[in-house]
Amino acid sequence: MMCAASLLPTVAFADDSDLDETSTAVEPADVFVRVALVRDELENLRFVMGRPANTQPEPEVSDAVPREVFFQALTLSRKADRLCFEYTREHAPEPAILSGTIQPAAVYAVVDAALERIRRVKQRLDIVYEVKTVTRDPRHTPTHVFRSMVQANRQLNLLLDRQFSPADV
């Protein structure tokens, strides 16, 4: 077992002072819902593109901390940006690396930026399938978010023409 220590603005926060009062309202359950939306959007893309589905089981992770979740979100953002570049030749600005305490709102913002890149690819490919929002469950923890984000990253990697290698991470 490995131990891992609707829309908000799509900005990354440079430090705690940039977080406003809305950041305290965002909880891991909200981020989990956003990651589920990303996964559904990726499934739409995967189906239309005829790419294989990720069949790997969720990783066995316990006690994930927000910093670990944030860096999974950065990986998701980078992969989504690469996918977007492959289809649109557009890049988005890289989210800032945070210093200090990571809040769920910061993770949410990075996931939201990745979602925007994925939706840009859907728009470019004229995919109009709508996805349904997952019901928010307040019991979701950073560990649940981490596991779901790993699965999203795995699926996103299968959609890329030039997949991420371990050296890219």
C-alpha atoms as a PDB file:
ATOM      1  CA  MET A   1       0.000   0.000   0.000  1.00  0.00           C
ATOM      2  CA  MET A   2       1.282   3.430  -0.911  1.00  0.00           C
ATOM      3  CA  CYS A   3       0.830   6.181   1.649  1.00  0.00           C
ATOM      4  CA  ALA A   4       0.274   9.597   0.165  1.00  0.00           C
ATOM      5  CA  ALA A   5       1.006  12.165   2.621  1.00  0.00           C
ATOM      6  CA  SER A   6     -20.589  25.809 -10.327  1.00  0.00           C
ATOM      7  CA  LEU A   7     -17.200  27.543 -11.446  1.00  0.00           C
ATOM      8  CA  LEU A   8     -14.536  29.264  -9.471  1.00  0.00           C
ATOM      9  CA  PRO A   9     -11.963  31.452 -11.186  1.00  0.00           C
ATOM     10  CA  THR A  10      -9.301  29.444 -13.015  1.00  0.00           C
ATOM     11  CA  VAL A  11      -6.326  31.003 -11.303  1.00  0.00           C
ATOM     12  CA  ALA A  12      -3.544  29.427  -9.338  1.00  0.00           C
ATOM     13  CA  PHE A  13      -2.674  31.019  -6.037  1.00  0.00           C
ATOM     14  CA  ALA A  14       0.928  31.993  -5.419  1.00  0.00           C
ATOM     15  CA  ASP A  15       0.577  31.929  -1.647  1.00  0.00           C
ATOM     16  CA  ASP A  16      -1.970  31.939   1.150  1.00  0.00           C
ATOM     17  CA  SER A  17      -2.513  35.692   0.898  1.00  0.00           C
ATOM     18  CA  ASP A  18      -4.121  35.268  -2.552  1.00  0.00           C
ATOM     19  CA  LEU A  19      -6.849  33.024  -1.186  1.00  0.00           C
ATOM     20  CA  ASP A  20     -10.100  34.854  -0.569  1.00  0.00           C
ATOM     21  CA  GLU A  21     -13.129  34.074   1.540  1.00  0.00           C
ATOM     22  CA  THR A  22     -14.586  31.736  -1.157  1.00  0.00           C
ATOM     23  CA  SER A  23     -11.614  29.407  -0.691  1.00  0.00           C
ATOM     24  CA  THR A  24     -12.841  28.349   2.738  1.00  0.00           C
ATOM     25  CA  ALA A  25     -16.158  27.307   1.209  1.00  0.00           C
ATOM     26  CA  VAL A  26     -14.453  24.788  -1.112  1.00  0.00           C
ATOM     27  CA  GLU A  27     -14.021  21.371   0.468  1.00  0.00           C
ATOM     28  CA  PRO A  28     -12.477  18.127  -0.798  1.00  0.00           C
ATOM     29  CA  ALA A  29     -15.985  16.916  -1.705  1.00  0.00           C
ATOM     30  CA  ASP A  30     -16.327  19.862  -4.117  1.00  0.00           C
ATOM     31  CA  VAL A  31     -12.986  19.040  -5.718  1.00  0.00           C
ATOM     32  CA  PHE A  32     -14.026  15.385  -6.007  1.00  0.00           C
ATOM     33  CA  VAL A  33     -17.156  16.427  -7.931  1.00  0.00           C
ATOM     34  CA  ARG A  34     -14.998  18.520 -10.281  1.00  0.00           C
ATOM     35  CA  VAL A  35     -12.583  15.629 -10.884  1.00  0.00           C
ATOM     36  CA  ALA A  36     -15.561  13.344 -11.591  1.00  0.00           C
ATOM     37  CA  LEU A  37     -16.682  15.880 -14.197  1.00  0.00           C
ATOM     38  CA  VAL A  38     -13.213  15.803 -15.755  1.00  0.00           C
ATOM     39  CA  ARG A  39     -13.347  12.010 -15.870  1.00  0.00           C
ATOM     40  CA  ASP A  40     -16.756  12.087 -17.581  1.00  0.00           C
ATOM     41  CA  GLU A  41     -15.494  14.604 -20.140  1.00  0.00           C
ATOM     42  CA  LEU A  42     -12.473  12.391 -20.757  1.00  0.00           C
ATOM     43  CA  GLU A  43     -14.773   9.408 -21.276  1.00  0.00           C
ATOM     44  CA  ASN A  44     -16.659  11.375 -23.950  1.00  0.00           C
ATOM     45  CA  LEU A  45     -13.390  12.202 -25.672  1.00  0.00           C
ATOM     46  CA  ARG A  46     -12.122   8.650 -25.376  1.00  0.00           C
ATOM     47  CA  PHE A  47     -15.281   7.238 -26.933  1.00  0.00           C
ATOM     48  CA  VAL A  48     -15.291   9.643 -29.882  1.00  0.00           C
ATOM     49  CA  MET A  49     -11.550   9.301 -30.459  1.00  0.00           C
ATOM     50  CA  GLY A  50     -11.749   5.503 -30.344  1.00  0.00           C
ATOM     51  CA  ARG A  51      -8.979   5.274 -27.778  1.00  0.00           C
ATOM     52  CA  PRO A  52      -8.672   2.524 -25.169  1.00  0.00           C
ATOM     53  CA  ALA A  53     -10.181   2.906 -21.734  1.00  0.00           C
ATOM     54  CA  ASN A  54      -8.008   2.924 -18.661  1.00  0.00           C
ATOM     55  CA  THR A  55      -8.504  -0.452 -17.012  1.00  0.00           C
ATOM     56  CA  GLN A  56      -6.044  -0.064 -14.159  1.00  0.00           C
ATOM     57  CA  PRO A  57      -7.578  -0.310 -10.690  1.00  0.00           C
ATOM     58  CA  GLU A  58      -7.498   2.736  -8.452  1.00  0.00           C
ATOM     59  CA  PRO A  59      -4.232   2.960  -6.541  1.00  0.00           C
ATOM     60  CA  GLU A  60      -4.167   1.936  -2.907  1.00  0.00           C
ATOM     61  CA  VAL A  61      -3.542   5.256  -1.226  1.00  0.00           C
ATOM     62  CA  SER A  62      -4.291   6.346   2.294  1.00  0.00           C
ATOM     63  CA  ASP A  63      -3.959   9.621   4.154  1.00  0.00           C
ATOM     64  CA  ALA A  64      -3.335  11.823   1.108  1.00  0.00           C
ATOM     65  CA  VAL A  65      -2.584  15.400   2.065  1.00  0.00           C
ATOM     66  CA  PRO A  66      -3.654  18.481   0.097  1.00  0.00           C
ATOM     67  CA  ARG A  67      -0.122  19.117  -1.226  1.00  0.00           C
ATOM     68  CA  GLU A  68      -0.043  15.660  -2.844  1.00  0.00           C
ATOM     69  CA  VAL A  69      -3.476  16.229  -4.332  1.00  0.00           C
ATOM     70  CA  PHE A  70      -2.340  19.612  -5.640  1.00  0.00           C
ATOM     71  CA  PHE A  71       0.608  18.083  -7.475  1.00  0.00           C
ATOM     72  CA  GLN A  72      -1.654  15.428  -9.016  1.00  0.00           C
ATOM     73  CA  ALA A  73      -3.813  18.335 -10.187  1.00  0.00           C
ATOM     74  CA  LEU A  74      -0.747  20.001 -11.732  1.00  0.00           C
ATOM     75  CA  THR A  75      -0.016  16.788 -13.627  1.00  0.00           C
ATOM     76  CA  LEU A  76      -3.616  16.709 -14.809  1.00  0.00           C
ATOM     77  CA  SER A  77      -3.338  20.318 -15.943  1.00  0.00           C
ATOM     78  CA  ARG A  78      -0.106  19.671 -17.856  1.00  0.00           C
ATOM     79  CA  LYS A  79      -1.521  16.619 -19.584  1.00  0.00           C
ATOM     80  CA  ALA A  80      -4.747  18.432 -20.461  1.00  0.00           C
ATOM     81  CA  ASP A  81      -2.713  21.302 -21.868  1.00  0.00           C
ATOM     82  CA  ARG A  82      -0.648  18.904 -23.973  1.00  0.00           C
ATOM     83  CA  LEU A  83      -3.831  17.277 -25.296  1.00  0.00           C
ATOM     84  CA  CYS A  84      -5.259  20.697 -26.092  1.00  0.00           C
ATOM     85  CA  PHE A  85      -2.059  21.679 -27.885  1.00  0.00           C
ATOM     86  CA  GLU A  86      -2.165  18.505 -29.979  1.00  0.00           C
ATOM     87  CA  TYR A  87      -5.614  19.422 -31.281  1.00  0.00           C
ATOM     88  CA  THR A  88      -5.769  23.219 -31.178  1.00  0.00           C
ATOM     89  CA  ARG A  89      -2.128  24.380 -31.080  1.00  0.00           C
ATOM     90  CA  GLU A  90      -3.034  26.510 -28.056  1.00  0.00           C
ATOM     91  CA  HIS A  91      -1.248  26.486 -24.726  1.00  0.00           C
ATOM     92  CA  ALA A  92      -2.591  27.763 -21.421  1.00  0.00           C
ATOM     93  CA  PRO A  93      -0.390  29.420 -18.811  1.00  0.00           C
ATOM     94  CA  GLU A  94       1.129  26.980 -16.348  1.00  0.00           C
ATOM     95  CA  PRO A  95      -0.498  27.130 -12.874  1.00  0.00           C
ATOM     96  CA  ALA A  96       1.792  28.536 -10.213  1.00  0.00           C
ATOM     97  CA  ILE A  97       3.488  26.223  -7.754  1.00  0.00           C
ATOM     98  CA  LEU A  98       2.172  27.054  -4.301  1.00  0.00           C
ATOM     99  CA  SER A  99       4.105  27.799  -1.196  1.00  0.00           C
ATOM    100  CA  GLY A 100       2.579  27.485   2.222  1.00  0.00           C
ATOM    101  CA  THR A 101      -0.604  25.650   3.094  1.00  0.00           C
ATOM    102  CA  ILE A 102      -2.585  24.205   0.210  1.00  0.00           C
ATOM    103  CA  GLN A 103      -6.343  24.794   0.380  1.00  0.00           C
ATOM    104  CA  PRO A 104      -8.955  22.784  -1.564  1.00  0.00           C
ATOM    105  CA  ALA A 105      -9.804  25.956  -3.514  1.00  0.00           C
ATOM    106  CA  ALA A 106      -6.316  25.980  -5.029  1.00  0.00           C
ATOM    107  CA  VAL A 107      -6.683  22.360  -6.138  1.00  0.00           C
ATOM    108  CA  TYR A 108     -10.157  23.129  -7.467  1.00  0.00           C
ATOM    109  CA  ALA A 109      -8.773  26.003  -9.550  1.00  0.00           C
ATOM    110  CA  VAL A 110      -6.098  23.807 -11.144  1.00  0.00           C
ATOM    111  CA  VAL A 111      -8.622  21.029 -11.878  1.00  0.00           C
ATOM    112  CA  ASP A 112     -10.956  23.632 -13.343  1.00  0.00           C
ATOM    113  CA  ALA A 113      -8.165  24.894 -15.616  1.00  0.00           C
ATOM    114  CA  ALA A 114      -7.597  21.321 -16.831  1.00  0.00           C
ATOM    115  CA  LEU A 115     -11.323  20.929 -17.424  1.00  0.00           C
ATOM    116  CA  GLU A 116     -11.308  24.078 -19.554  1.00  0.00           C
ATOM    117  CA  ARG A 117      -8.492  22.636 -21.721  1.00  0.00           C
ATOM    118  CA  ILE A 118     -10.384  19.345 -22.129  1.00  0.00           C
ATOM    119  CA  ARG A 119     -13.555  21.199 -23.100  1.00  0.00           C
ATOM    120  CA  ARG A 120     -11.557  23.194 -25.634  1.00  0.00           C
ATOM    121  CA  VAL A 121     -10.558  19.905 -27.310  1.00  0.00           C
ATOM    122  CA  LYS A 122     -14.190  18.761 -27.269  1.00  0.00           C
ATOM    123  CA  GLN A 123     -15.174  22.030 -28.911  1.00  0.00           C
ATOM    124  CA  ARG A 124     -12.470  21.641 -31.562  1.00  0.00           C
ATOM    125  CA  LEU A 125     -13.653  18.101 -32.339  1.00  0.00           C
ATOM    126  CA  ASP A 126     -17.320  19.217 -32.360  1.00  0.00           C
ATOM    127  CA  ILE A 127     -18.248  16.862 -29.523  1.00  0.00           C
ATOM    128  CA  VAL A 128     -21.535  17.968 -28.008  1.00  0.00           C
ATOM    129  CA  TYR A 129     -22.186  15.211 -25.483  1.00  0.00           C
ATOM    130  CA  GLU A 130     -23.206  16.678 -22.147  1.00  0.00           C
ATOM    131  CA  VAL A 131     -22.035  15.190 -18.887  1.00  0.00           C
ATOM    132  CA  LYS A 132     -24.011  15.069 -15.688  1.00  0.00           C
ATOM    133  CA  THR A 133     -22.649  16.402 -12.449  1.00  0.00           C
ATOM    134  CA  VAL A 134     -21.965  13.855  -9.743  1.00  0.00           C
ATOM    135  CA  THR A 135     -23.860  14.314  -6.502  1.00  0.00           C
ATOM    136  CA  ARG A 136     -21.680  15.896  -3.850  1.00  0.00           C
ATOM    137  CA  ASP A 137     -20.889  13.590  -0.948  1.00  0.00           C
ATOM    138  CA  PRO A 138     -19.420  15.483   2.021  1.00  0.00           C
ATOM    139  CA  ARG A 139     -17.628  12.333   3.183  1.00  0.00           C
ATOM    140  CA  HIS A 140     -15.088  12.553   0.335  1.00  0.00           C
ATOM    141  CA  THR A 141     -11.583  13.235   1.587  1.00  0.00           C
ATOM    142  CA  PRO A 142      -8.350  14.340  -0.090  1.00  0.00           C
ATOM    143  CA  THR A 143      -7.531  10.637  -0.452  1.00  0.00           C
ATOM    144  CA  HIS A 144     -10.668  10.074  -2.553  1.00  0.00           C
ATOM    145  CA  VAL A 145      -9.766  13.082  -4.683  1.00  0.00           C
ATOM    146  CA  PHE A 146      -6.202  11.816  -5.108  1.00  0.00           C
ATOM    147  CA  ARG A 147      -7.333   8.355  -6.232  1.00  0.00           C
ATOM    148  CA  SER A 148      -9.853   9.766  -8.697  1.00  0.00           C
ATOM    149  CA  MET A 149      -7.314  12.207 -10.077  1.00  0.00           C
ATOM    150  CA  VAL A 150      -4.771   9.441 -10.642  1.00  0.00           C
ATOM    151  CA  GLN A 151      -7.398   7.617 -12.713  1.00  0.00           C
ATOM    152  CA  ALA A 152      -8.124  10.783 -14.695  1.00  0.00           C
ATOM    153  CA  ASN A 153      -4.404  11.227 -15.335  1.00  0.00           C
ATOM    154  CA  ARG A 154      -4.114   7.646 -16.523  1.00  0.00           C
ATOM    155  CA  GLN A 155      -7.027   8.038 -18.940  1.00  0.00           C
ATOM    156  CA  LEU A 156      -5.742  11.359 -20.182  1.00  0.00           C
ATOM    157  CA  ASN A 157      -2.360   9.802 -20.874  1.00  0.00           C
ATOM    158  CA  LEU A 158      -4.071   7.231 -23.123  1.00  0.00           C
ATOM    159  CA  LEU A 159      -5.639  10.052 -25.156  1.00  0.00           C
ATOM    160  CA  LEU A 160      -2.351  11.782 -25.898  1.00  0.00           C
ATOM    161  CA  ASP A 161      -0.513  11.163 -29.158  1.00  0.00           C
ATOM    162  CA  ARG A 162       2.756  11.582 -27.262  1.00  0.00           C
ATOM    163  CA  GLN A 163       2.155  10.058 -23.847  1.00  0.00           C
ATOM    164  CA  PHE A 164       3.822  11.276 -20.684  1.00  0.00           C
ATOM    165  CA  SER A 165       6.792   9.207 -19.642  1.00  0.00           C
ATOM    166  CA  PRO A 166       8.161   8.946 -16.106  1.00  0.00           C
ATOM    167  CA  ALA A 167      10.875  11.416 -17.132  1.00  0.00           C
ATOM    168  CA  ASP A 168       8.205  14.033 -17.895  1.00  0.00           C
ATOM    169  CA  VAL A 169       6.999  13.903 -14.312  1.00  0.00           C
END
